[in-house]
């Protein structure tokens, strides 16, 4: 799936795709949102949940070169990859 096709889906279709095809990576709290990062068909996808209302307000593709991607890295354990 391309980013263009993903972006053409409505919110419910995006969430359906994440639930059925996505792989959870990490979660951050950022500017009043609990944001979960998934990989869906080779795309990084973020799900924005408002921490006050608990509503999902946005689901969008995160470009790999975006600085926000680094915020997820602190919670990812790569120690197994470094073992001989």
C-alpha atoms as a PDB file:
ATOM      1  CA  UNK A   1       0.000   0.000   0.000  1.00  0.00           C
ATOM      2  CA  UNK A   2       1.279   3.450  -0.836  1.00  0.00           C
ATOM      3  CA  UNK A   3       1.008   6.540   1.313  1.00  0.00           C
ATOM      4  CA  UNK A   4      -1.317   8.046  -1.267  1.00  0.00           C
ATOM      5  CA  UNK A   5      -3.738   5.109  -1.007  1.00  0.00           C
ATOM      6  CA  UNK A   6      -3.573   5.134   2.814  1.00  0.00           C
ATOM      7  CA  UNK A   7      -4.279   8.875   2.880  1.00  0.00           C
ATOM      8  CA  UNK A   8      -7.343   8.368   0.679  1.00  0.00           C
ATOM      9  CA  UNK A   9      -8.969   6.140   3.334  1.00  0.00           C
ATOM     10  CA  UNK A  10     -11.308   7.584   5.940  1.00  0.00           C
ATOM     11  CA  UNK A  11     -10.541   7.349   9.665  1.00  0.00           C
ATOM     12  CA  UNK A  12     -12.476   4.113  10.217  1.00  0.00           C
ATOM     13  CA  UNK A  13     -10.833   2.423   7.237  1.00  0.00           C
ATOM     14  CA  UNK A  14      -7.399   3.452   8.475  1.00  0.00           C
ATOM     15  CA  UNK A  15      -8.126   2.068  11.951  1.00  0.00           C
ATOM     16  CA  UNK A  16      -9.451  -1.181  10.461  1.00  0.00           C
ATOM     17  CA  UNK A  17      -6.256  -1.578   8.470  1.00  0.00           C
ATOM     18  CA  UNK A  18      -4.100  -0.923  11.555  1.00  0.00           C
ATOM     19  CA  UNK A  19      -6.020  -3.431  13.686  1.00  0.00           C
ATOM     20  CA  UNK A  20      -5.842  -6.125  11.013  1.00  0.00           C
ATOM     21  CA  UNK A  21      -2.443  -5.487   9.397  1.00  0.00           C
ATOM     22  CA  UNK A  22      -0.482  -3.197  11.691  1.00  0.00           C
ATOM     23  CA  UNK A  23       2.366  -4.052  14.013  1.00  0.00           C
ATOM     24  CA  UNK A  24       2.601  -1.937  17.174  1.00  0.00           C
ATOM     25  CA  UNK A  25       6.045  -0.361  17.651  1.00  0.00           C
ATOM     26  CA  UNK A  26       5.913   2.158  20.498  1.00  0.00           C
ATOM     27  CA  UNK A  27       3.907   4.885  22.208  1.00  0.00           C
ATOM     28  CA  UNK A  28       4.650   8.440  23.346  1.00  0.00           C
ATOM     29  CA  UNK A  29       2.740  11.251  25.043  1.00  0.00           C
ATOM     30  CA  UNK A  30       3.180  14.445  23.061  1.00  0.00           C
ATOM     31  CA  UNK A  31       1.310  17.759  23.354  1.00  0.00           C
ATOM     32  CA  UNK A  32      -1.830  16.322  24.938  1.00  0.00           C
ATOM     33  CA  UNK A  33      -1.941  13.202  22.792  1.00  0.00           C
ATOM     34  CA  UNK A  34      -1.072   9.586  23.435  1.00  0.00           C
ATOM     35  CA  UNK A  35       0.421   8.655  20.067  1.00  0.00           C
ATOM     36  CA  UNK A  36       0.908   5.032  19.090  1.00  0.00           C
ATOM     37  CA  UNK A  37       3.294   4.158  16.278  1.00  0.00           C
ATOM     38  CA  UNK A  38       2.574   1.196  14.007  1.00  0.00           C
ATOM     39  CA  UNK A  39       4.090  -0.258  10.873  1.00  0.00           C
ATOM     40  CA  UNK A  40       1.419  -0.947   8.266  1.00  0.00           C
ATOM     41  CA  UNK A  41       2.523  -2.290   4.891  1.00  0.00           C
ATOM     42  CA  UNK A  42       5.975  -0.654   5.246  1.00  0.00           C
ATOM     43  CA  UNK A  43       4.490   2.705   6.307  1.00  0.00           C
ATOM     44  CA  UNK A  44       5.007   4.271   9.733  1.00  0.00           C
ATOM     45  CA  UNK A  45       1.518   5.196  10.930  1.00  0.00           C
ATOM     46  CA  UNK A  46       0.610   7.217  14.023  1.00  0.00           C
ATOM     47  CA  UNK A  47      -2.680   7.038  15.905  1.00  0.00           C
ATOM     48  CA  UNK A  48      -3.381  10.194  17.934  1.00  0.00           C
ATOM     49  CA  UNK A  49      -5.602   9.703  20.990  1.00  0.00           C
ATOM     50  CA  UNK A  50      -6.557  12.812  22.970  1.00  0.00           C
ATOM     51  CA  UNK A  51      -5.474  12.241  26.586  1.00  0.00           C
ATOM     52  CA  UNK A  52      -8.406  14.274  27.929  1.00  0.00           C
ATOM     53  CA  UNK A  53     -11.323  12.939  25.884  1.00  0.00           C
ATOM     54  CA  UNK A  54      -9.762   9.546  25.002  1.00  0.00           C
ATOM     55  CA  UNK A  55     -10.999  10.057  21.418  1.00  0.00           C
ATOM     56  CA  UNK A  56      -8.918   9.046  18.422  1.00  0.00           C
ATOM     57  CA  UNK A  57      -8.609  12.302  16.534  1.00  0.00           C
ATOM     58  CA  UNK A  58      -6.096  11.544  13.808  1.00  0.00           C
ATOM     59  CA  UNK A  59      -4.430   8.655  12.012  1.00  0.00           C
ATOM     60  CA  UNK A  60      -1.641   9.640   9.658  1.00  0.00           C
ATOM     61  CA  UNK A  61       1.558   8.469   8.016  1.00  0.00           C
ATOM     62  CA  UNK A  62       4.776   9.580   9.714  1.00  0.00           C
ATOM     63  CA  UNK A  63       7.606  10.275   7.315  1.00  0.00           C
ATOM     64  CA  UNK A  64      10.799   8.457   8.432  1.00  0.00           C
ATOM     65  CA  UNK A  65      12.809  11.673   8.215  1.00  0.00           C
ATOM     66  CA  UNK A  66      10.520  13.498  10.688  1.00  0.00           C
ATOM     67  CA  UNK A  67      12.200  14.441  13.952  1.00  0.00           C
ATOM     68  CA  UNK A  68       9.271  13.046  15.958  1.00  0.00           C
ATOM     69  CA  UNK A  69      10.273   9.524  14.960  1.00  0.00           C
ATOM     70  CA  UNK A  70      13.272   9.819  17.295  1.00  0.00           C
ATOM     71  CA  UNK A  71      10.940  10.294  20.282  1.00  0.00           C
ATOM     72  CA  UNK A  72       9.826   6.672  19.917  1.00  0.00           C
ATOM     73  CA  UNK A  73      13.376   5.321  19.961  1.00  0.00           C
ATOM     74  CA  UNK A  74      13.940   5.760  23.704  1.00  0.00           C
ATOM     75  CA  UNK A  75      11.436   2.976  24.486  1.00  0.00           C
ATOM     76  CA  UNK A  76      12.673   0.442  21.953  1.00  0.00           C
ATOM     77  CA  UNK A  77      14.976  -2.241  23.345  1.00  0.00           C
ATOM     78  CA  UNK A  78      17.580  -3.376  20.815  1.00  0.00           C
ATOM     79  CA  UNK A  79      19.812  -5.232  23.269  1.00  0.00           C
ATOM     80  CA  UNK A  80      18.989  -8.602  21.676  1.00  0.00           C
ATOM     81  CA  UNK A  81      20.310  -7.321  18.367  1.00  0.00           C
ATOM     82  CA  UNK A  82      23.622  -6.406  19.957  1.00  0.00           C
ATOM     83  CA  UNK A  83      24.265  -9.824  21.518  1.00  0.00           C
ATOM     84  CA  UNK A  84      26.820 -12.043  19.791  1.00  0.00           C
END
